[in-house]
Amino acid sequence: MNESGNVSIGNTETMDHSGLYIRNIPIIGLNLRGVYSYFHNMPSEVGNITGFKARVTSGNPVDYGRAFGIRGVVSNYRNGFNYGVFGLLGGEHNGAAILGTCDWAYPNVPGQYAGYFRGNVHVTGQISGWANSIAGDERLFEDNISSLQKSKIEKLMLLNPVVYQFKPEKPQFYKCDTTTTKYKVDPSQLNRDHIGFIAQEFEKVYPDLVYKNGHGVMSIN
């Protein structure tokens, strides 16, 4: 610990700009955790429980610096198992593994979600998935609009629209060393009809509009 109260672990020198600095603890064969907090079976009298809290704020808007409440960086460890930020929702109650909100409201999450966002979400890359999705078609976001050529319209007649229902559990694509996980479908999407296309059939007519992820699962643009 230095004169400013900053603490360093695994390093002979403290970092003046870090309140807590942990580096290169050489313990082989164990799961390493830089910071670990654990709460279990807390009494009902306890209010909010926070395992780890980081807060970076300014009383007034400023035009300098970058602020990160939580910043995660990983690289070059086991292929497919590098997570910058990992969130897990356990138990039986509703909630979200990761919650994002643009205001100070704490929403009552109406289901179990890996991610739940209150506010706009912007993505610059591609979103792929193998569940139900709703996409927006709005002139505000589109360019180079033109009517389909007759030849392409004729190809539309080759498509086979289908009515289907989701299976209660999604197929098991992701495997760890000791477990194989199946993912449950949102209950609100079960026992109801959906209209769409089968990607394998759609690919035969419009191959450029079908994408395949690293697990071989197809999706339609």
Foldseek 3Di string as FASTA:
>chain_A
DDPVCAEEAPDPDGDPVHNYHYDDDPDPPDDDDPDFFDDDPDDPVDDDDDRDWFDDDDPDDDDDDDDDSDWFDDDDDDPPPTDRDDFDDDDDDADESEEAEPDPDDDDGPHHYPYYYHDDDDDPDDDDDDDDDDDDDDPVPDDPDDDDDPVLVVLVVQFDKDKDADDQWDDFQDDDPPDTDIHGDTPVRGPDIDIDGDLVSVCVSVVVQWDADPSRDIDGD
